[in-house]
Amino acid sequence: MNQRTTPAPSEQTVEPADWSAIWESEGLLCGWFATLLSAELDEATLARYRRGEAQPLLNLLRDEHGLVDEVARVDRALSQLLMFTTPQLELAADFAELFLADARSGAPPYASLYADEAGRFHGAAAERMEARLAEAGYAVRREVGEPADHLAIMLDYLARRLLSLSEAKGEGEDVGSSEALRLDTRGFLAEELCLWLPRLVERSAAPTTASDFYPAVLALTAAYLETLREAL
């Protein structure tokens, strides 16, 4: 297991303004992961990543969250894409094989398949997520065409919660609401994400993909969310 370099909140003195910046940064990271896992990379995005434009985010995950091995794995996967004549097509095929295939041959990124005892699509986890989205005033856009418990949708919701937390003043009457939001966000991580993601990471290793990119991204996502749960 990696050594985590970020000390727990109880072990450090952090001013409210610093926490605001921290939660904003974490929200942006969650949004990035949501984008990575919502659809296959297009040519332009892949070209930017191969030029190193994702490196600041990866460096943040490595240096501030202690995810040395996980980031190194993603770096290797990006470097190995140079071996392919048509890397974007290979990644698109990997995305389909992992995330668009059925549960017997792929690794569909839906919480219900892993978190619910029945292990079926659109189970209790999806219903809970639908309720969370409705309570927060959100809804899955029709063009997305995915159940609410898709990992990318859950990550996008988490990103919005963290950005809301960064905007909370944390003083006067806002202290109680800010603390309630923090605890709710931590509960969402612990009960709706961190419990089942390791199973998805494990399943993603079973299909034979041309690149290790998406399995590496899933492993990095799971490890990152665990550090975020500890920080919350």
Protein backbone atom coordinates (compact mmCIF):
# COMPACT_ATOMS: atom_id res chain seq x y z
CA MET A 1 0.00 0.00 0.00
CA ASN A 2 1.26 3.47 -0.83
CA GLN A 3 2.34 5.90 1.84
CA ARG A 4 -0.13 8.79 1.86
CA THR A 5 1.70 12.07 2.21
CA THR A 6 -1.34 14.24 3.02
CA PRO A 7 -1.82 14.44 6.81
CA ALA A 8 -5.29 14.08 8.26
CA PRO A 9 -7.13 17.34 9.08
CA SER A 10 -6.69 16.68 12.80
CA GLU A 11 -2.93 16.65 12.33
CA GLN A 12 -2.63 20.06 10.76
CA THR A 13 -3.85 23.61 11.25
CA VAL A 14 -5.77 24.82 8.24
CA GLU A 15 -7.44 28.20 7.99
CA PRO A 16 -10.99 28.41 6.54
CA ALA A 17 -9.71 30.20 3.44
CA ASP A 18 -7.24 27.34 2.88
CA TRP A 19 -10.02 24.75 3.17
CA SER A 20 -12.00 26.66 0.58
CA ALA A 21 -9.11 26.41 -1.87
CA ILE A 22 -8.59 22.74 -0.99
CA TRP A 23 -12.22 21.79 -1.63
CA GLU A 24 -12.21 23.74 -4.89
CA SER A 25 -9.12 21.83 -6.01
CA GLU A 26 -10.68 18.50 -5.04
CA GLY A 27 -13.87 19.42 -6.90
CA LEU A 28 -11.89 20.12 -10.05
CA LEU A 29 -10.09 16.77 -9.74
CA CYS A 30 -13.38 14.92 -9.36
CA GLY A 31 -14.74 16.73 -12.39
CA TRP A 32 -11.68 15.68 -14.39
CA PHE A 33 -12.15 12.04 -13.43
CA ALA A 34 -15.84 12.29 -14.35
CA THR A 35 -14.90 13.59 -17.81
CA LEU A 36 -12.30 10.85 -18.33
CA LEU A 37 -14.80 8.11 -17.52
CA SER A 38 -17.88 9.50 -19.23
CA ALA A 39 -16.78 8.91 -22.85
CA GLU A 40 -13.79 7.81 -24.86
CA LEU A 41 -11.09 10.41 -25.45
CA ASP A 42 -11.33 12.28 -28.73
CA GLU A 43 -8.31 12.96 -30.93
CA ALA A 44 -7.79 16.51 -29.69
CA THR A 45 -7.93 15.62 -25.99
CA LEU A 46 -5.64 12.64 -26.43
CA ALA A 47 -3.15 14.84 -28.30
CA ARG A 48 -3.16 17.34 -25.43
CA TYR A 49 -2.57 14.59 -22.88
CA ARG A 50 0.29 13.16 -24.93
CA ARG A 51 1.83 16.67 -24.96
CA GLY A 52 1.74 16.64 -21.18
CA GLU A 53 -1.27 18.85 -20.47
CA ALA A 54 -2.62 16.36 -17.93
CA GLN A 55 0.67 16.36 -16.05
CA PRO A 56 -0.18 19.16 -13.57
CA LEU A 57 -3.21 17.16 -12.39
CA LEU A 58 -1.21 13.96 -12.20
CA ASN A 59 1.56 15.76 -10.30
CA LEU A 60 -1.03 17.06 -7.83
CA LEU A 61 -2.35 13.55 -7.28
CA ARG A 62 1.17 12.22 -6.81
CA ASP A 63 2.64 14.97 -4.66
CA GLU A 64 -0.35 16.11 -2.58
CA HIS A 65 -2.20 12.80 -2.27
CA GLY A 66 0.74 10.41 -2.21
CA LEU A 67 -0.52 8.35 -5.15
CA VAL A 68 2.94 7.63 -6.51
CA ASP A 69 2.36 4.14 -7.93
CA GLU A 70 -1.06 4.90 -9.36
CA VAL A 71 0.13 8.04 -11.15
CA ALA A 72 3.20 6.24 -12.48
CA ARG A 73 0.90 3.59 -13.95
CA VAL A 74 -1.17 6.20 -15.79
CA ASP A 75 2.03 7.87 -17.03
CA ARG A 76 3.26 4.52 -18.39
CA ALA A 77 -0.05 3.89 -20.10
CA LEU A 78 0.09 7.30 -21.81
CA SER A 79 3.68 6.72 -22.91
CA GLN A 80 2.84 3.28 -24.31
CA LEU A 81 0.18 4.79 -26.57
CA LEU A 82 3.08 5.91 -28.78
CA MET A 83 3.37 2.28 -29.91
CA PHE A 84 -0.04 2.40 -31.62
CA THR A 85 -0.57 3.68 -35.13
CA THR A 86 -4.10 4.79 -34.25
CA PRO A 87 -4.09 5.28 -30.46
CA GLN A 88 -7.47 7.06 -30.31
CA LEU A 89 -9.18 4.14 -32.07
CA GLU A 90 -7.47 1.66 -29.77
CA LEU A 91 -8.62 3.62 -26.70
CA ALA A 92 -12.16 3.84 -28.09
CA ALA A 93 -12.18 0.06 -28.51
CA ASP A 94 -10.88 -0.38 -24.95
CA PHE A 95 -13.57 1.97 -23.62
CA ALA A 96 -16.26 -0.06 -25.37
CA GLU A 97 -14.82 -3.39 -24.22
CA LEU A 98 -14.65 -2.30 -20.61
CA PHE A 99 -17.57 0.05 -20.07
CA LEU A 100 -20.11 -0.69 -22.81
CA ALA A 101 -20.01 -4.50 -22.71
CA ASP A 102 -22.27 -6.60 -20.51
CA ALA A 103 -21.32 -7.58 -16.97
CA ARG A 104 -20.12 -11.02 -18.03
CA SER A 105 -17.32 -9.81 -20.29
CA GLY A 106 -16.68 -6.19 -19.36
CA ALA A 107 -16.54 -3.89 -16.36
CA PRO A 108 -19.66 -1.69 -16.61
CA PRO A 109 -19.23 1.33 -14.31
CA TYR A 110 -22.57 1.14 -12.49
CA ALA A 111 -22.76 1.05 -8.71
CA SER A 112 -25.77 -1.30 -8.68
CA LEU A 113 -23.70 -4.11 -10.18
CA TYR A 114 -21.22 -4.03 -7.31
CA ALA A 115 -22.87 -2.34 -4.33
CA ASP A 116 -26.20 -4.19 -4.38
CA GLU A 117 -26.51 -7.81 -3.32
CA ALA A 118 -28.66 -8.58 -6.37
CA GLY A 119 -25.91 -7.26 -8.67
CA ARG A 120 -28.28 -6.03 -11.38
CA PHE A 121 -28.56 -2.91 -13.49
CA HIS A 122 -30.63 -0.04 -12.10
CA GLY A 123 -30.85 -1.45 -8.60
CA ALA A 124 -31.11 0.20 -5.20
CA ALA A 125 -27.87 2.15 -5.70
CA ALA A 126 -29.33 3.81 -8.79
CA GLU A 127 -32.53 4.68 -6.91
CA ARG A 128 -30.55 6.22 -4.06
CA MET A 129 -28.51 8.25 -6.51
CA GLU A 130 -31.63 9.46 -8.31
CA ALA A 131 -32.99 10.64 -4.95
CA ARG A 132 -29.72 12.45 -4.16
CA LEU A 133 -29.71 14.22 -7.50
CA ALA A 134 -33.34 15.26 -7.12
CA GLU A 135 -32.74 16.56 -3.59
CA ALA A 136 -29.83 18.65 -4.84
CA GLY A 137 -31.87 19.99 -7.75
CA TYR A 138 -29.96 18.06 -10.41
CA ALA A 139 -31.08 15.64 -13.09
CA VAL A 140 -29.23 13.44 -15.57
CA ARG A 141 -29.49 15.08 -18.97
CA ARG A 142 -31.57 13.08 -21.42
CA GLU A 143 -28.79 13.02 -24.00
CA VAL A 144 -26.46 11.33 -21.49
CA GLY A 145 -28.64 8.24 -21.60
CA GLU A 146 -27.13 6.62 -18.50
CA PRO A 147 -28.58 5.54 -15.14
CA ALA A 148 -27.86 7.82 -12.19
CA ASP A 149 -25.40 5.33 -10.66
CA HIS A 150 -22.92 5.55 -13.56
CA LEU A 151 -19.52 6.30 -12.05
CA ALA A 152 -19.04 9.46 -14.12
CA ILE A 153 -22.39 10.86 -12.97
CA MET A 154 -21.58 10.08 -9.35
CA LEU A 155 -18.19 11.77 -9.71
CA ASP A 156 -19.76 14.83 -11.30
CA TYR A 157 -22.22 15.04 -8.40
CA LEU A 158 -19.33 14.73 -5.94
CA ALA A 159 -17.47 17.50 -7.77
CA ARG A 160 -20.47 19.81 -7.40
CA ARG A 161 -20.75 19.01 -3.68
CA LEU A 162 -17.09 19.82 -3.13
CA LEU A 163 -17.37 23.08 -5.04
CA SER A 164 -20.39 23.96 -2.88
CA LEU A 165 -18.31 23.14 0.17
CA SER A 166 -15.55 25.44 -1.06
CA GLU A 167 -18.07 28.28 -1.32
CA ALA A 168 -19.40 27.80 2.22
CA LYS A 169 -18.19 30.61 4.49
CA GLY A 170 -17.66 28.39 7.53
CA GLU A 171 -18.46 31.16 9.99
CA GLY A 172 -21.42 32.37 12.03
CA GLU A 173 -24.69 30.67 11.11
CA ASP A 174 -23.03 29.00 8.13
CA VAL A 175 -20.87 26.75 10.33
CA GLY A 176 -23.66 24.24 10.91
CA SER A 177 -24.71 24.01 7.27
CA SER A 178 -21.09 23.77 6.13
CA GLU A 179 -20.41 20.95 8.58
CA ALA A 180 -23.58 19.15 7.53
CA LEU A 181 -22.51 19.40 3.89
CA ARG A 182 -19.05 18.07 4.72
CA LEU A 183 -20.45 15.11 6.65
CA ASP A 184 -22.98 14.33 3.94
CA THR A 185 -20.26 14.43 1.29
CA ARG A 186 -18.07 12.14 3.38
CA GLY A 187 -21.00 9.77 3.85
CA PHE A 188 -21.60 9.73 0.10
CA LEU A 189 -17.97 8.81 -0.49
CA ALA A 190 -17.87 6.13 2.19
CA GLU A 191 -21.25 4.54 1.52
CA GLU A 192 -21.87 5.09 -2.19
CA LEU A 193 -18.43 5.14 -3.84
CA CYS A 194 -15.49 3.77 -1.87
CA LEU A 195 -17.16 0.48 -0.93
CA TRP A 196 -17.65 -0.83 -4.47
CA LEU A 197 -14.98 0.87 -6.56
CA PRO A 198 -12.27 -1.68 -5.65
CA ARG A 199 -14.49 -4.39 -7.18
CA LEU A 200 -14.77 -2.39 -10.40
CA VAL A 201 -10.99 -1.90 -10.46
CA GLU A 202 -10.51 -5.64 -10.02
CA ARG A 203 -12.99 -6.48 -12.76
CA SER A 204 -11.37 -4.01 -15.17
CA ALA A 205 -8.24 -6.17 -15.14
CA ALA A 206 -10.08 -9.19 -16.55
CA PRO A 207 -10.84 -8.06 -20.14
CA THR A 208 -7.91 -7.94 -22.52
CA THR A 209 -7.48 -4.33 -23.60
CA ALA A 210 -4.93 -2.94 -26.01
CA SER A 211 -3.86 -0.31 -23.50
CA ASP A 212 -3.70 -0.16 -19.72
CA PHE A 213 -5.02 3.41 -19.77
CA TYR A 214 -8.57 2.90 -18.53
CA PRO A 215 -7.73 0.22 -15.91
CA ALA A 216 -4.98 2.56 -14.67
CA VAL A 217 -7.38 5.52 -14.52
CA LEU A 218 -9.88 3.43 -12.55
CA ALA A 219 -7.20 2.37 -10.06
CA LEU A 220 -6.09 6.00 -9.67
CA THR A 221 -9.71 7.13 -9.20
CA ALA A 222 -10.37 4.57 -6.46
CA ALA A 223 -7.15 5.41 -4.62
CA TYR A 224 -7.79 9.14 -4.90
CA LEU A 225 -11.33 8.88 -3.54
CA GLU A 226 -10.05 6.99 -0.54
CA THR A 227 -7.63 9.81 0.28
CA LEU A 228 -10.46 12.31 -0.22
CA ARG A 229 -12.70 10.37 2.18
CA GLU A 230 -9.95 10.53 4.79
CA ALA A 231 -9.53 14.28 4.24
CA LEU A 232 -13.25 14.88 4.70
